[in-house]
Amino acid sequence: MRPRAIVFDLYGEYFRYAGGAVRLGPLTELMGLFDVEPATVRVVMTRLRKDGWFDSDKSGREVTYRLNEKSWHLLDDGRRRIFDRAFDDWNRVWTQALLDGDGIDRDQRKRIETALTWFGFGNYAGAVWFSPHDNRKQLSEMLGGGDQLCVQFLQSSTAGLTVDRIIAERCWDLTDLGVDYQGFIDTYQPRMARYRRGMAGRDALIERMRLIQDYRRYPFRDPDLPEELLPPGWRGRLAHEVFVEAHELLREPAEDLVVSTIGVGLDDRDM
């Protein structure tokens, strides 16, 4: 696990519920559980602050790093994408995003295409992207400014489910993702009995962080296609159920360790 990713997961899972701030000392102690050296923690946090992800306060020799608007937004978007999976019935309406390629440079195109993929759009061909979900508002908020003006949205329905399936097959290759989902299930489902018996705080925290980092890669590759567009034997929903249950089973011992380390209680939350 990379130090930068561990930092964001500690803030996203724990520190955000303790006011969004933590002192460098307790942060370093928790990072040490993942074999991250104190010097590395200092360098990572300094760089993240310079990059605008955190604000910092200093009292004596102690530095506190706190979430700012940029990092709160990142954590909120990431959490919604991981936990708020779209498993509802589909009304067979596609949202199309048309990318105006005239006058935009490579970096701007990459930024826009990354945002489209983040919100579950798949590339049909060239400048045409499709999503079975209406994420226009969220996408526009992420793009903002000049990037937003380069994307036009349409909503449409096809002649029937056969055409819908052709669009889905053209936009997304779910074969590799399905294999990876099965690998996740094979890894974590056998561990559930041990999670239910309870684990020591240190072990639970490390296991929960590994669980999050292993699962997080999937929602950003998975467009959450409606049931009628999924390939036979799709394992994505079972993988999500395994993740959510394991995440909750490990929560209490992991949180107890974090609270005892930072000396601040955590607010109530949904997940």
C-alpha atoms as a PDB file:
ATOM      1  CA  MET A   1       0.000   0.000   0.000  1.00  0.00           C
ATOM      2  CA  ARG A   2       1.375   3.376  -1.011  1.00  0.00           C
ATOM      3  CA  PRO A   3       1.804   5.980   1.762  1.00  0.00           C
ATOM      4  CA  ARG A   4      -0.243   8.590  -0.092  1.00  0.00           C
ATOM      5  CA  ALA A   5      -3.158   6.166  -0.514  1.00  0.00           C
ATOM      6  CA  ILE A   6      -2.974   5.178   3.162  1.00  0.00           C
ATOM      7  CA  VAL A   7      -3.177   8.842   4.189  1.00  0.00           C
ATOM      8  CA  PHE A   8      -6.307   9.461   2.135  1.00  0.00           C
ATOM      9  CA  ASP A   9      -7.943   6.283   3.397  1.00  0.00           C
ATOM     10  CA  LEU A  10      -7.211   7.154   7.027  1.00  0.00           C
ATOM     11  CA  TYR A  11      -8.792  10.561   6.505  1.00  0.00           C
ATOM     12  CA  GLY A  12     -11.668   9.135   4.475  1.00  0.00           C
ATOM     13  CA  GLU A  13     -12.522   6.318   6.874  1.00  0.00           C
ATOM     14  CA  TYR A  14     -11.665   7.865  10.246  1.00  0.00           C
ATOM     15  CA  PHE A  15     -10.284  11.397  10.574  1.00  0.00           C
ATOM     16  CA  ARG A  16     -13.129  12.983   8.614  1.00  0.00           C
ATOM     17  CA  TYR A  17     -15.405  11.885  11.477  1.00  0.00           C
ATOM     18  CA  ALA A  18     -13.082  13.467  14.034  1.00  0.00           C
ATOM     19  CA  GLY A  19     -13.376  17.000  12.682  1.00  0.00           C
ATOM     20  CA  GLY A  20     -11.318  16.336   9.559  1.00  0.00           C
ATOM     21  CA  ALA A  21      -7.987  16.980  11.286  1.00  0.00           C
ATOM     22  CA  VAL A  22      -5.241  15.014  13.001  1.00  0.00           C
ATOM     23  CA  ARG A  23      -1.890  15.841  14.540  1.00  0.00           C
ATOM     24  CA  LEU A  24       1.217  14.639  12.774  1.00  0.00           C
ATOM     25  CA  GLY A  25       2.299  12.557  15.788  1.00  0.00           C
ATOM     26  CA  PRO A  26      -0.744  10.243  15.933  1.00  0.00           C
ATOM     27  CA  LEU A  27      -0.845  10.106  12.135  1.00  0.00           C
ATOM     28  CA  THR A  28       2.771   8.957  12.107  1.00  0.00           C
ATOM     29  CA  GLU A  29       2.006   6.331  14.737  1.00  0.00           C
ATOM     30  CA  LEU A  30      -0.850   4.902  12.664  1.00  0.00           C
ATOM     31  CA  MET A  31       1.189   5.011   9.474  1.00  0.00           C
ATOM     32  CA  GLY A  32       3.858   3.026  11.266  1.00  0.00           C
ATOM     33  CA  LEU A  33       1.436   0.097  11.467  1.00  0.00           C
ATOM     34  CA  PHE A  34       1.786  -0.083   7.690  1.00  0.00           C
ATOM     35  CA  ASP A  35       5.599   0.062   7.888  1.00  0.00           C
ATOM     36  CA  VAL A  36       5.773   3.678   6.748  1.00  0.00           C
ATOM     37  CA  GLU A  37       8.760   5.472   8.270  1.00  0.00           C
ATOM     38  CA  PRO A  38       8.235   8.797  10.122  1.00  0.00           C
ATOM     39  CA  ALA A  39      10.447  10.648   7.630  1.00  0.00           C
ATOM     40  CA  THR A  40       8.294   9.358   4.788  1.00  0.00           C
ATOM     41  CA  VAL A  41       5.120  10.527   6.542  1.00  0.00           C
ATOM     42  CA  ARG A  42       6.556  14.028   6.914  1.00  0.00           C
ATOM     43  CA  VAL A  43       7.552  14.170   3.250  1.00  0.00           C
ATOM     44  CA  VAL A  44       4.176  12.856   2.047  1.00  0.00           C
ATOM     45  CA  MET A  45       2.169  15.310   4.152  1.00  0.00           C
ATOM     46  CA  THR A  46       4.371  18.241   3.131  1.00  0.00           C
ATOM     47  CA  ARG A  47       3.859  17.391  -0.533  1.00  0.00           C
ATOM     48  CA  LEU A  48       0.119  16.898  -0.134  1.00  0.00           C
ATOM     49  CA  ARG A  49      -0.142  20.285   1.571  1.00  0.00           C
ATOM     50  CA  LYS A  50       1.876  21.958  -1.208  1.00  0.00           C
ATOM     51  CA  ASP A  51      -0.384  20.294  -3.771  1.00  0.00           C
ATOM     52  CA  GLY A  52      -3.398  21.862  -2.069  1.00  0.00           C
ATOM     53  CA  TRP A  53      -4.963  18.745  -0.564  1.00  0.00           C
ATOM     54  CA  PHE A  54      -4.545  19.738   3.089  1.00  0.00           C
ATOM     55  CA  ASP A  55      -4.266  22.830   5.245  1.00  0.00           C
ATOM     56  CA  SER A  56      -1.980  22.813   8.250  1.00  0.00           C
ATOM     57  CA  ASP A  57      -1.723  24.506  11.648  1.00  0.00           C
ATOM     58  CA  LYS A  58       1.274  24.555  13.940  1.00  0.00           C
ATOM     59  CA  SER A  59       1.204  24.711  17.726  1.00  0.00           C
ATOM     60  CA  GLY A  60       4.676  24.633  19.206  1.00  0.00           C
ATOM     61  CA  ARG A  61       6.425  21.738  17.524  1.00  0.00           C
ATOM     62  CA  GLU A  62       3.214  19.891  16.640  1.00  0.00           C
ATOM     63  CA  VAL A  63       1.666  20.215  13.170  1.00  0.00           C
ATOM     64  CA  THR A  64      -1.979  19.425  12.504  1.00  0.00           C
ATOM     65  CA  TYR A  65      -3.158  18.568   9.007  1.00  0.00           C
ATOM     66  CA  ARG A  66      -6.788  19.228   8.202  1.00  0.00           C
ATOM     67  CA  LEU A  67      -9.033  18.545   5.240  1.00  0.00           C
ATOM     68  CA  ASN A  68      -9.934  21.504   3.048  1.00  0.00           C
ATOM     69  CA  GLU A  69     -12.640  22.005   0.434  1.00  0.00           C
ATOM     70  CA  LYS A  70     -10.623  20.217  -2.260  1.00  0.00           C
ATOM     71  CA  SER A  71      -9.942  17.101  -0.198  1.00  0.00           C
ATOM     72  CA  TRP A  72     -13.448  16.972   1.320  1.00  0.00           C
ATOM     73  CA  HIS A  73     -14.830  16.981  -2.220  1.00  0.00           C
ATOM     74  CA  LEU A  74     -12.478  14.196  -3.306  1.00  0.00           C
ATOM     75  CA  LEU A  75     -13.377  11.998  -0.332  1.00  0.00           C
ATOM     76  CA  ASP A  76     -17.112  12.603  -0.745  1.00  0.00           C
ATOM     77  CA  ASP A  77     -17.035  11.739  -4.454  1.00  0.00           C
ATOM     78  CA  GLY A  78     -14.934   8.645  -3.858  1.00  0.00           C
ATOM     79  CA  ARG A  79     -17.154   7.420  -1.053  1.00  0.00           C
ATOM     80  CA  ARG A  80     -20.319   7.852  -3.102  1.00  0.00           C
ATOM     81  CA  ARG A  81     -18.774   5.990  -6.020  1.00  0.00           C
ATOM     82  CA  ILE A  82     -17.749   3.057  -3.805  1.00  0.00           C
ATOM     83  CA  PHE A  83     -20.814   2.724  -1.576  1.00  0.00           C
ATOM     84  CA  ASP A  84     -23.720   4.215  -3.541  1.00  0.00           C
ATOM     85  CA  ARG A  85     -23.827   1.626  -6.305  1.00  0.00           C
ATOM     86  CA  ALA A  86     -26.670   1.986  -8.809  1.00  0.00           C
ATOM     87  CA  PHE A  87     -28.615  -1.284  -8.577  1.00  0.00           C
ATOM     88  CA  ASP A  88     -32.102   0.142  -9.176  1.00  0.00           C
ATOM     89  CA  ASP A  89     -34.406  -0.749 -12.055  1.00  0.00           C
ATOM     90  CA  TRP A  90     -33.522   0.947 -15.347  1.00  0.00           C
ATOM     91  CA  ASN A  91     -35.954   3.100 -17.335  1.00  0.00           C
ATOM     92  CA  ARG A  92     -34.051   2.341 -20.584  1.00  0.00           C
ATOM     93  CA  VAL A  93     -32.963   5.958 -20.988  1.00  0.00           C
ATOM     94  CA  TRP A  94     -29.358   6.534 -22.007  1.00  0.00           C
ATOM     95  CA  THR A  95     -27.447   9.688 -21.144  1.00  0.00           C
ATOM     96  CA  GLN A  96     -25.103  10.627 -23.964  1.00  0.00           C
ATOM     97  CA  ALA A  97     -22.106  12.916 -23.559  1.00  0.00           C
ATOM     98  CA  LEU A  98     -20.768  14.467 -26.754  1.00  0.00           C
ATOM     99  CA  LEU A  99     -17.235  15.793 -26.476  1.00  0.00           C
ATOM    100  CA  ASP A 100     -16.475  18.826 -28.615  1.00  0.00           C
ATOM    101  CA  GLY A 101     -12.917  18.111 -29.706  1.00  0.00           C
ATOM    102  CA  ASP A 102     -12.293  21.380 -31.551  1.00  0.00           C
ATOM    103  CA  GLY A 103      -9.821  23.660 -29.846  1.00  0.00           C
ATOM    104  CA  ILE A 104      -9.003  21.508 -26.823  1.00  0.00           C
ATOM    105  CA  ASP A 105      -5.522  20.241 -26.072  1.00  0.00           C
ATOM    106  CA  ARG A 106      -4.430  16.763 -25.050  1.00  0.00           C
ATOM    107  CA  ASP A 107      -4.391  17.534 -21.313  1.00  0.00           C
ATOM    108  CA  GLN A 108      -7.910  18.955 -21.381  1.00  0.00           C
ATOM    109  CA  ARG A 109      -9.197  15.979 -23.342  1.00  0.00           C
ATOM    110  CA  LYS A 110      -7.598  13.569 -20.892  1.00  0.00           C
ATOM    111  CA  ARG A 111      -9.085  15.473 -17.944  1.00  0.00           C
ATOM    112  CA  ILE A 112     -12.579  15.357 -19.455  1.00  0.00           C
ATOM    113  CA  GLU A 113     -12.343  11.689 -20.432  1.00  0.00           C
ATOM    114  CA  THR A 114     -11.125  10.800 -16.929  1.00  0.00           C
ATOM    115  CA  ALA A 115     -14.166  12.575 -15.447  1.00  0.00           C
ATOM    116  CA  LEU A 116     -16.496  10.772 -17.860  1.00  0.00           C
ATOM    117  CA  THR A 117     -15.034   7.415 -16.885  1.00  0.00           C
ATOM    118  CA  TRP A 118     -15.217   8.341 -13.165  1.00  0.00           C
ATOM    119  CA  PHE A 119     -18.981   8.780 -13.495  1.00  0.00           C
ATOM    120  CA  GLY A 120     -19.533   5.547 -15.394  1.00  0.00           C
ATOM    121  CA  PHE A 121     -19.617   6.728 -18.998  1.00  0.00           C
ATOM    122  CA  GLY A 122     -18.278   4.397 -21.666  1.00  0.00           C
ATOM    123  CA  ASN A 123     -16.790   5.447 -24.997  1.00  0.00           C
ATOM    124  CA  TYR A 124     -18.930   4.289 -27.916  1.00  0.00           C
ATOM    125  CA  ALA A 125     -16.783   5.829 -30.643  1.00  0.00           C
ATOM    126  CA  GLY A 126     -14.724   8.976 -31.019  1.00  0.00           C
ATOM    127  CA  ALA A 127     -16.420  11.798 -29.140  1.00  0.00           C
ATOM    128  CA  VAL A 128     -19.568   9.848 -28.183  1.00  0.00           C
ATOM    129  CA  TRP A 129     -19.968   8.484 -24.644  1.00  0.00           C
ATOM    130  CA  PHE A 130     -22.913   6.631 -23.079  1.00  0.00           C
ATOM    131  CA  SER A 131     -24.152   5.981 -19.548  1.00  0.00           C
ATOM    132  CA  PRO A 132     -27.319   4.206 -18.369  1.00  0.00           C
ATOM    133  CA  HIS A 133     -27.388   6.625 -15.413  1.00  0.00           C
ATOM    134  CA  ASP A 134     -28.156  10.333 -15.358  1.00  0.00           C
ATOM    135  CA  ASN A 135     -24.987  11.785 -13.829  1.00  0.00           C
ATOM    136  CA  ARG A 136     -25.062  15.049 -15.758  1.00  0.00           C
ATOM    137  CA  LYS A 137     -25.181  17.268 -12.681  1.00  0.00           C
ATOM    138  CA  GLN A 138     -22.316  15.510 -10.879  1.00  0.00           C
ATOM    139  CA  LEU A 139     -20.178  15.439 -14.002  1.00  0.00           C
ATOM    140  CA  SER A 140     -20.756  19.123 -14.718  1.00  0.00           C
ATOM    141  CA  GLU A 141     -19.806  19.998 -11.152  1.00  0.00           C
ATOM    142  CA  MET A 142     -16.573  18.021 -11.439  1.00  0.00           C
ATOM    143  CA  LEU A 143     -15.650  19.545 -14.792  1.00  0.00           C
ATOM    144  CA  GLY A 144     -16.529  23.174 -14.194  1.00  0.00           C
ATOM    145  CA  GLY A 145     -15.278  26.152 -16.203  1.00  0.00           C
ATOM    146  CA  GLY A 146     -14.074  25.632 -19.744  1.00  0.00           C
ATOM    147  CA  ASP A 147     -14.132  21.831 -19.502  1.00  0.00           C
ATOM    148  CA  GLN A 148     -17.876  21.857 -18.876  1.00  0.00           C
ATOM    149  CA  LEU A 149     -18.479  23.857 -22.065  1.00  0.00           C
ATOM    150  CA  CYS A 150     -16.783  21.126 -24.103  1.00  0.00           C
ATOM    151  CA  VAL A 151     -19.390  18.483 -23.225  1.00  0.00           C
ATOM    152  CA  GLN A 152     -22.961  18.451 -24.486  1.00  0.00           C
ATOM    153  CA  PHE A 153     -25.560  16.074 -23.056  1.00  0.00           C
ATOM    154  CA  LEU A 154     -28.459  14.280 -24.701  1.00  0.00           C
ATOM    155  CA  GLN A 155     -30.907  11.703 -23.397  1.00  0.00           C
ATOM    156  CA  SER A 156     -32.397   9.057 -25.626  1.00  0.00           C
ATOM    157  CA  SER A 157     -33.931   5.610 -25.861  1.00  0.00           C
ATOM    158  CA  THR A 158     -33.273   2.934 -28.468  1.00  0.00           C
ATOM    159  CA  ALA A 159     -35.653   0.751 -30.460  1.00  0.00           C
ATOM    160  CA  GLY A 160     -35.277  -2.101 -27.987  1.00  0.00           C
ATOM    161  CA  LEU A 161     -33.172  -4.155 -25.628  1.00  0.00           C
ATOM    162  CA  THR A 162     -31.177  -5.730 -28.452  1.00  0.00           C
ATOM    163  CA  VAL A 163     -29.797  -2.330 -29.433  1.00  0.00           C
ATOM    164  CA  ASP A 164     -29.195  -1.467 -25.776  1.00  0.00           C
ATOM    165  CA  ARG A 165     -27.043  -4.575 -25.439  1.00  0.00           C
ATOM    166  CA  ILE A 166     -25.076  -3.652 -28.556  1.00  0.00           C
ATOM    167  CA  ILE A 167     -24.335  -0.232 -27.048  1.00  0.00           C
ATOM    168  CA  ALA A 168     -23.235  -1.798 -23.771  1.00  0.00           C
ATOM    169  CA  GLU A 169     -20.947  -4.285 -25.507  1.00  0.00           C
ATOM    170  CA  ARG A 170     -19.440  -1.479 -27.596  1.00  0.00           C
ATOM    171  CA  CYS A 171     -18.805   0.813 -24.630  1.00  0.00           C
ATOM    172  CA  TRP A 172     -17.564  -1.615 -21.991  1.00  0.00           C
ATOM    173  CA  ASP A 173     -15.491  -4.789 -21.928  1.00  0.00           C
ATOM    174  CA  LEU A 174     -16.591  -6.454 -18.709  1.00  0.00           C
ATOM    175  CA  THR A 175     -14.751  -9.742 -19.211  1.00  0.00           C
ATOM    176  CA  ASP A 176     -11.598  -8.817 -17.282  1.00  0.00           C
ATOM    177  CA  LEU A 177     -13.605  -6.987 -14.625  1.00  0.00           C
ATOM    178  CA  GLY A 178     -15.756 -10.062 -14.067  1.00  0.00           C
ATOM    179  CA  VAL A 179     -12.643 -12.174 -13.541  1.00  0.00           C
ATOM    180  CA  ASP A 180     -11.286  -9.628 -11.067  1.00  0.00           C
ATOM    181  CA  TYR A 181     -14.568  -9.528  -9.153  1.00  0.00           C
ATOM    182  CA  GLN A 182     -14.431 -13.301  -8.793  1.00  0.00           C
ATOM    183  CA  GLY A 183     -10.866 -13.025  -7.537  1.00  0.00           C
ATOM    184  CA  PHE A 184     -11.983 -10.512  -4.893  1.00  0.00           C
ATOM    185  CA  ILE A 185     -14.766 -12.846  -3.768  1.00  0.00           C
ATOM    186  CA  ASP A 186     -12.385 -15.811  -3.631  1.00  0.00           C
ATOM    187  CA  THR A 187      -9.973 -13.790  -1.494  1.00  0.00           C
ATOM    188  CA  TYR A 188     -12.345 -12.260   1.043  1.00  0.00           C
ATOM    189  CA  GLN A 189     -15.340 -14.550   1.329  1.00  0.00           C
ATOM    190  CA  PRO A 190     -13.307 -17.260   3.147  1.00  0.00           C
ATOM    191  CA  ARG A 191     -12.144 -14.644   5.652  1.00  0.00           C
ATOM    192  CA  MET A 192     -15.636 -13.632   6.749  1.00  0.00           C
ATOM    193  CA  ALA A 193     -15.832 -16.212   9.537  1.00  0.00           C
ATOM    194  CA  ARG A 194     -12.641 -14.798  11.063  1.00  0.00           C
ATOM    195  CA  TYR A 195     -13.998 -11.261  10.779  1.00  0.00           C
ATOM    196  CA  ARG A 196     -17.206 -12.309  12.551  1.00  0.00           C
ATOM    197  CA  ARG A 197     -15.225 -13.837  15.434  1.00  0.00           C
ATOM    198  CA  GLY A 198     -13.487 -10.507  15.927  1.00  0.00           C
ATOM    199  CA  MET A 199      -9.950  -9.307  15.401  1.00  0.00           C
ATOM    200  CA  ALA A 200      -7.471  -7.238  17.397  1.00  0.00           C
ATOM    201  CA  GLY A 201      -7.494  -3.536  16.593  1.00  0.00           C
ATOM    202  CA  ARG A 202      -4.167  -3.461  14.758  1.00  0.00           C
ATOM    203  CA  ASP A 203      -5.038  -6.477  12.624  1.00  0.00           C
ATOM    204  CA  ALA A 204      -8.532  -5.171  11.918  1.00  0.00           C
ATOM    205  CA  LEU A 205      -7.244  -1.753  10.836  1.00  0.00           C
ATOM    206  CA  ILE A 206      -4.656  -3.212   8.480  1.00  0.00           C
ATOM    207  CA  GLU A 207      -7.123  -5.736   7.056  1.00  0.00           C
ATOM    208  CA  ARG A 208      -9.818  -3.101   6.574  1.00  0.00           C
ATOM    209  CA  MET A 209      -7.421  -0.772   4.761  1.00  0.00           C
ATOM    210  CA  ARG A 210      -6.312  -3.607   2.494  1.00  0.00           C
ATOM    211  CA  LEU A 211      -9.963  -4.499   1.853  1.00  0.00           C
ATOM    212  CA  ILE A 212     -10.762  -0.911   0.859  1.00  0.00           C
ATOM    213  CA  GLN A 213      -7.778  -0.576  -1.419  1.00  0.00           C
ATOM    214  CA  ASP A 214      -8.463  -3.930  -3.079  1.00  0.00           C
ATOM    215  CA  TYR A 215     -12.127  -3.128  -3.718  1.00  0.00           C
ATOM    216  CA  ARG A 216     -11.788   0.555  -4.605  1.00  0.00           C
ATOM    217  CA  ARG A 217     -10.386  -0.164  -8.071  1.00  0.00           C
ATOM    218  CA  TYR A 218     -13.612  -1.874  -9.175  1.00  0.00           C
ATOM    219  CA  PRO A 219     -16.356   0.782  -8.913  1.00  0.00           C
ATOM    220  CA  PHE A 220     -14.310   3.118 -11.092  1.00  0.00           C
ATOM    221  CA  ARG A 221     -14.140   0.432 -13.795  1.00  0.00           C
ATOM    222  CA  ASP A 222     -17.733  -0.723 -13.378  1.00  0.00           C
ATOM    223  CA  PRO A 223     -20.513   1.370 -14.979  1.00  0.00           C
ATOM    224  CA  ASP A 224     -23.161  -0.413 -12.851  1.00  0.00           C
ATOM    225  CA  LEU A 225     -25.031  -1.618 -15.888  1.00  0.00           C
ATOM    226  CA  PRO A 226     -28.670  -2.623 -15.390  1.00  0.00           C
ATOM    227  CA  GLU A 227     -29.353  -6.300 -14.843  1.00  0.00           C
ATOM    228  CA  GLU A 228     -30.670  -6.786 -18.372  1.00  0.00           C
ATOM    229  CA  LEU A 229     -27.385  -5.563 -19.892  1.00  0.00           C
ATOM    230  CA  LEU A 230     -25.030  -7.630 -17.741  1.00  0.00           C
ATOM    231  CA  PRO A 231     -23.330 -10.795 -18.981  1.00  0.00           C
ATOM    232  CA  PRO A 232     -24.562 -14.129 -17.578  1.00  0.00           C
ATOM    233  CA  GLY A 233     -23.162 -15.047 -14.169  1.00  0.00           C
ATOM    234  CA  TRP A 234     -22.096 -11.490 -13.334  1.00  0.00           C
ATOM    235  CA  ARG A 235     -20.374 -11.365  -9.924  1.00  0.00           C
ATOM    236  CA  GLY A 236     -20.199  -7.624  -9.356  1.00  0.00           C
ATOM    237  CA  ARG A 237     -23.126  -7.407  -6.966  1.00  0.00           C
ATOM    238  CA  LEU A 238     -21.942 -10.328  -4.861  1.00  0.00           C
ATOM    239  CA  ALA A 239     -18.498  -8.742  -4.652  1.00  0.00           C
ATOM    240  CA  HIS A 240     -20.106  -5.526  -3.410  1.00  0.00           C
ATOM    241  CA  GLU A 241     -22.096  -7.414  -0.777  1.00  0.00           C
ATOM    242  CA  VAL A 242     -18.938  -9.165   0.452  1.00  0.00           C
ATOM    243  CA  PHE A 243     -17.111  -5.825   0.605  1.00  0.00           C
ATOM    244  CA  VAL A 244     -19.856  -4.015   2.524  1.00  0.00           C
ATOM    245  CA  GLU A 245     -20.238  -6.813   5.084  1.00  0.00           C
ATOM    246  CA  ALA A 246     -16.487  -7.192   5.631  1.00  0.00           C
ATOM    247  CA  HIS A 247     -16.069  -3.432   5.883  1.00  0.00           C
ATOM    248  CA  GLU A 248     -18.687  -3.268   8.626  1.00  0.00           C
ATOM    249  CA  LEU A 249     -17.445  -6.338  10.526  1.00  0.00           C
ATOM    250  CA  LEU A 250     -13.964  -4.825  10.809  1.00  0.00           C
ATOM    251  CA  ARG A 251     -15.184  -1.340  11.670  1.00  0.00           C
ATOM    252  CA  GLU A 252     -15.459  -1.436  15.471  1.00  0.00           C
ATOM    253  CA  PRO A 253     -12.016  -2.821  16.400  1.00  0.00           C
ATOM    254  CA  ALA A 254     -10.339  -0.649  13.753  1.00  0.00           C
ATOM    255  CA  GLU A 255     -12.130   2.480  14.966  1.00  0.00           C
ATOM    256  CA  ASP A 256     -11.330   1.736  18.600  1.00  0.00           C
ATOM    257  CA  LEU A 257      -7.627   1.641  17.763  1.00  0.00           C
ATOM    258  CA  VAL A 258      -7.790   4.883  15.797  1.00  0.00           C
ATOM    259  CA  VAL A 259      -9.707   6.666  18.553  1.00  0.00           C
ATOM    260  CA  SER A 260      -7.242   5.524  21.221  1.00  0.00           C
ATOM    261  CA  THR A 261      -4.367   6.742  19.059  1.00  0.00           C
ATOM    262  CA  ILE A 262      -5.667  10.186  18.065  1.00  0.00           C
ATOM    263  CA  GLY A 263      -7.478  10.845  21.355  1.00  0.00           C
ATOM    264  CA  VAL A 264     -10.657  12.088  19.646  1.00  0.00           C
ATOM    265  CA  GLY A 265     -13.980  10.293  19.240  1.00  0.00           C
ATOM    266  CA  LEU A 266     -15.652   9.754  15.884  1.00  0.00           C
ATOM    267  CA  ASP A 267     -19.015  11.130  14.837  1.00  0.00           C
ATOM    268  CA  ASP A 268     -21.886   8.868  13.834  1.00  0.00           C
ATOM    269  CA  ARG A 269     -22.039   7.925  10.157  1.00  0.00           C
ATOM    270  CA  ASP A 270     -24.004   5.675   7.840  1.00  0.00           C
ATOM    271  CA  MET A 271     -21.176   3.351   6.778  1.00  0.00           C
END
